Amino acid sequence: MSSKVTETTEKLVQPILADMNLNLVDIEFEKEGKNWFLRVYVDKEGGVDIEECGQVSEQLSEKLDEEDPVSAPYFLEVSSPGAERPLKKPEDLKANINKKIHVKLYEKLDGEKEYEGILKDFQEDTILLEIIVKTRKKEIQIPFEKVAKARLAVSFN
């Protein structure tokens, strides 16, 4: 059910976002406790404000009511992805070169399942990440298919 809901939501939200010059970052449909949540994350250069999220929510809500892809009651949330936005597609990674990212892997690579460092490059489905190991910089190559989750990482330096 989850993938059908997210696919239908993506199809419905894309024209709304195009009209407003916004980008779709991610869609999640998940159960938390007894409640279902349909979360749509949108962004644009310089960030989105609460009014824009509200407009997307109103328009998308009408479209969802017409299509009715969700059989269970749910809450619709439209928001900005925030400082630690997910990096799901190759384009997301290419757009964030030289930024600090956090990567979780499906399986260990060099004895670790999680890495945090500076994204140096992304080419041919390989992430080049600069990490620090005991005060020394080291570059590590991570195959994109091994990435379970990647997101921007916030630095407090």
C-alpha atoms as a PDB file:
ATOM      1  CA  MET A   1       0.000   0.000   0.000  1.00  0.00           C
ATOM      2  CA  SER A   2       2.793   2.403   0.934  1.00  0.00           C
ATOM      3  CA  SER A   3       4.481   2.556  -2.489  1.00  0.00           C
ATOM      4  CA  LYS A   4       1.143   3.016  -4.306  1.00  0.00           C
ATOM      5  CA  VAL A   5       0.274   5.927  -1.989  1.00  0.00           C
ATOM      6  CA  THR A   6       3.647   7.633  -2.451  1.00  0.00           C
ATOM      7  CA  GLU A   7       3.557   7.117  -6.254  1.00  0.00           C
ATOM      8  CA  THR A   8       0.041   8.565  -6.534  1.00  0.00           C
ATOM      9  CA  THR A   9       0.951  11.456  -4.230  1.00  0.00           C
ATOM     10  CA  GLU A  10       4.038  12.229  -6.326  1.00  0.00           C
ATOM     11  CA  LYS A  11       1.943  12.254  -9.507  1.00  0.00           C
ATOM     12  CA  LEU A  12      -0.589  14.626  -7.878  1.00  0.00           C
ATOM     13  CA  VAL A  13       1.901  16.990  -6.198  1.00  0.00           C
ATOM     14  CA  GLN A  14       4.333  17.512  -9.106  1.00  0.00           C
ATOM     15  CA  PRO A  15       2.082  19.910 -11.115  1.00  0.00           C
ATOM     16  CA  ILE A  16       1.334  21.912  -7.927  1.00  0.00           C
ATOM     17  CA  LEU A  17       5.048  22.231  -7.171  1.00  0.00           C
ATOM     18  CA  ALA A  18       5.878  23.139 -10.783  1.00  0.00           C
ATOM     19  CA  ASP A  19       3.327  26.000 -10.644  1.00  0.00           C
ATOM     20  CA  MET A  20       4.920  27.283  -7.422  1.00  0.00           C
ATOM     21  CA  ASN A  21       8.565  26.757  -8.529  1.00  0.00           C
ATOM     22  CA  LEU A  22       9.162  24.276  -5.707  1.00  0.00           C
ATOM     23  CA  ASN A  23      11.057  20.968  -5.743  1.00  0.00           C
ATOM     24  CA  LEU A  24       9.922  17.653  -4.332  1.00  0.00           C
ATOM     25  CA  VAL A  25      12.529  16.304  -1.898  1.00  0.00           C
ATOM     26  CA  ASP A  26      10.772  13.240  -0.516  1.00  0.00           C
ATOM     27  CA  ILE A  27       7.423  11.571   0.237  1.00  0.00           C
ATOM     28  CA  GLU A  28       6.888   9.224   3.181  1.00  0.00           C
ATOM     29  CA  PHE A  29       3.800   7.249   4.139  1.00  0.00           C
ATOM     30  CA  GLU A  30       4.297   5.627   7.526  1.00  0.00           C
ATOM     31  CA  LYS A  31       2.422   4.433  10.550  1.00  0.00           C
ATOM     32  CA  GLU A  32       3.377   5.895  13.912  1.00  0.00           C
ATOM     33  CA  GLY A  33       1.479   4.336  16.782  1.00  0.00           C
ATOM     34  CA  LYS A  34      -2.139   4.085  15.649  1.00  0.00           C
ATOM     35  CA  ASN A  35      -1.913   6.904  13.103  1.00  0.00           C
ATOM     36  CA  TRP A  36      -0.826   7.037   9.460  1.00  0.00           C
ATOM     37  CA  PHE A  37       1.151  10.054   8.224  1.00  0.00           C
ATOM     38  CA  LEU A  38       1.623  11.151   4.630  1.00  0.00           C
ATOM     39  CA  ARG A  39       4.611  13.512   4.671  1.00  0.00           C
ATOM     40  CA  VAL A  40       5.627  15.576   1.673  1.00  0.00           C
ATOM     41  CA  TYR A  41       8.948  17.449   1.853  1.00  0.00           C
ATOM     42  CA  VAL A  42       9.378  20.399  -0.499  1.00  0.00           C
ATOM     43  CA  ASP A  43      12.162  22.916  -0.999  1.00  0.00           C
ATOM     44  CA  LYS A  44      13.535  25.632  -3.279  1.00  0.00           C
ATOM     45  CA  GLU A  45      16.682  27.705  -3.490  1.00  0.00           C
ATOM     46  CA  GLY A  46      16.699  29.825  -0.322  1.00  0.00           C
ATOM     47  CA  GLY A  47      14.181  27.550   1.444  1.00  0.00           C
ATOM     48  CA  VAL A  48      10.385  27.419   1.701  1.00  0.00           C
ATOM     49  CA  ASP A  49       8.164  29.268   4.143  1.00  0.00           C
ATOM     50  CA  ILE A  50       5.096  28.170   6.071  1.00  0.00           C
ATOM     51  CA  GLU A  51       2.701  29.889   3.637  1.00  0.00           C
ATOM     52  CA  GLU A  52       4.099  27.915   0.704  1.00  0.00           C
ATOM     53  CA  CYS A  53       3.794  24.659   2.657  1.00  0.00           C
ATOM     54  CA  GLY A  54       0.205  25.604   3.512  1.00  0.00           C
ATOM     55  CA  GLN A  55      -0.663  26.300  -0.136  1.00  0.00           C
ATOM     56  CA  VAL A  56       0.810  22.966  -1.256  1.00  0.00           C
ATOM     57  CA  SER A  57      -1.046  21.175   1.545  1.00  0.00           C
ATOM     58  CA  GLU A  58      -4.424  22.746   0.600  1.00  0.00           C
ATOM     59  CA  GLN A  59      -4.081  21.992  -3.105  1.00  0.00           C
ATOM     60  CA  LEU A  60      -2.698  18.493  -2.568  1.00  0.00           C
ATOM     61  CA  SER A  61      -5.406  17.686  -0.016  1.00  0.00           C
ATOM     62  CA  GLU A  62      -8.101  18.487  -2.617  1.00  0.00           C
ATOM     63  CA  LYS A  63      -6.390  16.280  -5.229  1.00  0.00           C
ATOM     64  CA  LEU A  64      -5.956  13.420  -2.720  1.00  0.00           C
ATOM     65  CA  ASP A  65      -9.653  13.633  -1.800  1.00  0.00           C
ATOM     66  CA  GLU A  66     -10.538  13.293  -5.512  1.00  0.00           C
ATOM     67  CA  GLU A  67      -8.160  10.359  -6.196  1.00  0.00           C
ATOM     68  CA  ASP A  68      -8.554   8.763  -2.740  1.00  0.00           C
ATOM     69  CA  PRO A  69      -5.398   6.552  -2.856  1.00  0.00           C
ATOM     70  CA  VAL A  70      -5.387   5.984   0.931  1.00  0.00           C
ATOM     71  CA  SER A  71      -7.929   3.602   2.432  1.00  0.00           C
ATOM     72  CA  ALA A  72      -7.066   4.361   6.082  1.00  0.00           C
ATOM     73  CA  PRO A  73      -7.447   7.714   7.859  1.00  0.00           C
ATOM     74  CA  TYR A  74      -4.171   9.685   7.766  1.00  0.00           C
ATOM     75  CA  PHE A  75      -2.588  13.054   8.520  1.00  0.00           C
ATOM     76  CA  LEU A  76      -1.103  15.062   5.632  1.00  0.00           C
ATOM     77  CA  GLU A  77       2.029  17.048   6.487  1.00  0.00           C
ATOM     78  CA  VAL A  78       3.838  19.311   4.025  1.00  0.00           C
ATOM     79  CA  SER A  79       7.138  20.766   5.210  1.00  0.00           C
ATOM     80  CA  SER A  80      10.701  21.714   4.425  1.00  0.00           C
ATOM     81  CA  PRO A  81      13.232  18.876   4.731  1.00  0.00           C
ATOM     82  CA  GLY A  82      15.208  20.886   7.301  1.00  0.00           C
ATOM     83  CA  ALA A  83      18.937  21.125   7.898  1.00  0.00           C
ATOM     84  CA  GLU A  84      19.513  17.355   7.753  1.00  0.00           C
ATOM     85  CA  ARG A  85      17.625  16.805   4.522  1.00  0.00           C
ATOM     86  CA  PRO A  86      17.766  13.345   2.951  1.00  0.00           C
ATOM     87  CA  LEU A  87      19.924  12.761  -0.130  1.00  0.00           C
ATOM     88  CA  LYS A  88      18.057  10.050  -2.023  1.00  0.00           C
ATOM     89  CA  LYS A  89      18.893  10.528  -5.686  1.00  0.00           C
ATOM     90  CA  PRO A  90      22.195  10.906  -7.548  1.00  0.00           C
ATOM     91  CA  GLU A  91      21.167  14.507  -8.370  1.00  0.00           C
ATOM     92  CA  ASP A  92      20.850  15.240  -4.619  1.00  0.00           C
ATOM     93  CA  LEU A  93      24.409  14.057  -4.056  1.00  0.00           C
ATOM     94  CA  LYS A  94      25.806  15.956  -7.042  1.00  0.00           C
ATOM     95  CA  ALA A  95      24.143  19.143  -5.761  1.00  0.00           C
ATOM     96  CA  ASN A  96      25.804  18.810  -2.344  1.00  0.00           C
ATOM     97  CA  ILE A  97      29.480  18.291  -3.196  1.00  0.00           C
ATOM     98  CA  ASN A  98      31.815  19.791  -0.562  1.00  0.00           C
ATOM     99  CA  LYS A  99      29.130  19.587   2.121  1.00  0.00           C
ATOM    100  CA  LYS A 100      29.182  17.412   5.222  1.00  0.00           C
ATOM    101  CA  ILE A 101      26.995  14.313   4.911  1.00  0.00           C
ATOM    102  CA  HIS A 102      26.076  11.283   7.004  1.00  0.00           C
ATOM    103  CA  VAL A 103      25.802   7.898   5.271  1.00  0.00           C
ATOM    104  CA  LYS A 104      24.291   4.651   6.633  1.00  0.00           C
ATOM    105  CA  LEU A 105      25.057   1.456   4.735  1.00  0.00           C
ATOM    106  CA  TYR A 106      23.176  -1.805   4.283  1.00  0.00           C
ATOM    107  CA  GLU A 107      26.354  -3.720   5.116  1.00  0.00           C
ATOM    108  CA  LYS A 108      29.766  -2.929   6.566  1.00  0.00           C
ATOM    109  CA  LEU A 109      32.456  -1.337   4.422  1.00  0.00           C
ATOM    110  CA  ASP A 110      35.973  -1.288   5.928  1.00  0.00           C
ATOM    111  CA  GLY A 111      34.434  -2.502   9.199  1.00  0.00           C
ATOM    112  CA  GLU A 112      31.890   0.335   9.520  1.00  0.00           C
ATOM    113  CA  LYS A 113      28.193   0.743   8.672  1.00  0.00           C
ATOM    114  CA  GLU A 114      28.038   4.536   9.161  1.00  0.00           C
ATOM    115  CA  TYR A 115      30.260   7.334   7.918  1.00  0.00           C
ATOM    116  CA  GLU A 116      30.252  11.087   8.268  1.00  0.00           C
ATOM    117  CA  GLY A 117      32.472  13.364   6.257  1.00  0.00           C
ATOM    118  CA  ILE A 118      32.791  15.798   3.379  1.00  0.00           C
ATOM    119  CA  LEU A 119      31.229  14.677   0.093  1.00  0.00           C
ATOM    120  CA  LYS A 120      34.112  15.186  -2.334  1.00  0.00           C
ATOM    121  CA  ASP A 121      32.543  13.739  -5.465  1.00  0.00           C
ATOM    122  CA  PHE A 122      29.782  11.546  -6.866  1.00  0.00           C
ATOM    123  CA  GLN A 123      30.388   9.809 -10.178  1.00  0.00           C
ATOM    124  CA  GLU A 124      29.213   6.607 -11.793  1.00  0.00           C
ATOM    125  CA  ASP A 125      27.228   5.543  -8.715  1.00  0.00           C
ATOM    126  CA  THR A 126      30.156   5.978  -6.307  1.00  0.00           C
ATOM    127  CA  ILE A 127      30.358   8.421  -3.415  1.00  0.00           C
ATOM    128  CA  LEU A 128      33.808   9.812  -2.639  1.00  0.00           C
ATOM    129  CA  LEU A 129      33.798  10.798   1.027  1.00  0.00           C
ATOM    130  CA  GLU A 130      36.572  12.492   2.975  1.00  0.00           C
ATOM    131  CA  ILE A 131      36.542  11.244   6.564  1.00  0.00           C
ATOM    132  CA  ILE A 132      38.812  11.816   9.536  1.00  0.00           C
ATOM    133  CA  VAL A 133      40.375   8.765  11.173  1.00  0.00           C
ATOM    134  CA  LYS A 134      42.393   9.582  14.307  1.00  0.00           C
ATOM    135  CA  THR A 135      43.111  13.183  13.193  1.00  0.00           C
ATOM    136  CA  ARG A 136      44.131  12.131   9.646  1.00  0.00           C
ATOM    137  CA  LYS A 137      42.062  12.771   6.535  1.00  0.00           C
ATOM    138  CA  LYS A 138      41.240   9.719   4.452  1.00  0.00           C
ATOM    139  CA  GLU A 139      39.144   9.317   1.310  1.00  0.00           C
ATOM    140  CA  ILE A 140      36.770   6.374   1.017  1.00  0.00           C
ATOM    141  CA  GLN A 141      34.718   5.221  -1.962  1.00  0.00           C
ATOM    142  CA  ILE A 142      31.187   4.032  -1.206  1.00  0.00           C
ATOM    143  CA  PRO A 143      29.091   2.296  -3.891  1.00  0.00           C
ATOM    144  CA  PHE A 144      25.692   4.045  -4.082  1.00  0.00           C
ATOM    145  CA  GLU A 145      23.825   0.696  -4.059  1.00  0.00           C
ATOM    146  CA  LYS A 146      25.222   0.001  -0.564  1.00  0.00           C
ATOM    147  CA  VAL A 147      23.700   3.222   0.835  1.00  0.00           C
ATOM    148  CA  ALA A 148      20.645   2.649   3.026  1.00  0.00           C
ATOM    149  CA  LYS A 149      20.291   6.350   3.912  1.00  0.00           C
ATOM    150  CA  ALA A 150      22.231   9.515   3.217  1.00  0.00           C
ATOM    151  CA  ARG A 151      21.527  12.986   4.552  1.00  0.00           C
ATOM    152  CA  LEU A 152      23.171  16.334   5.065  1.00  0.00           C
ATOM    153  CA  ALA A 153      24.948  16.528   8.420  1.00  0.00           C
ATOM    154  CA  VAL A 154      24.913  19.601  10.629  1.00  0.00           C
ATOM    155  CA  SER A 155      28.287  20.836  11.887  1.00  0.00           C
ATOM    156  CA  PHE A 156      28.611  22.619  15.203  1.00  0.00           C
ATOM    157  CA  ASN A 157      32.128  23.985  14.672  1.00  0.00           C
END
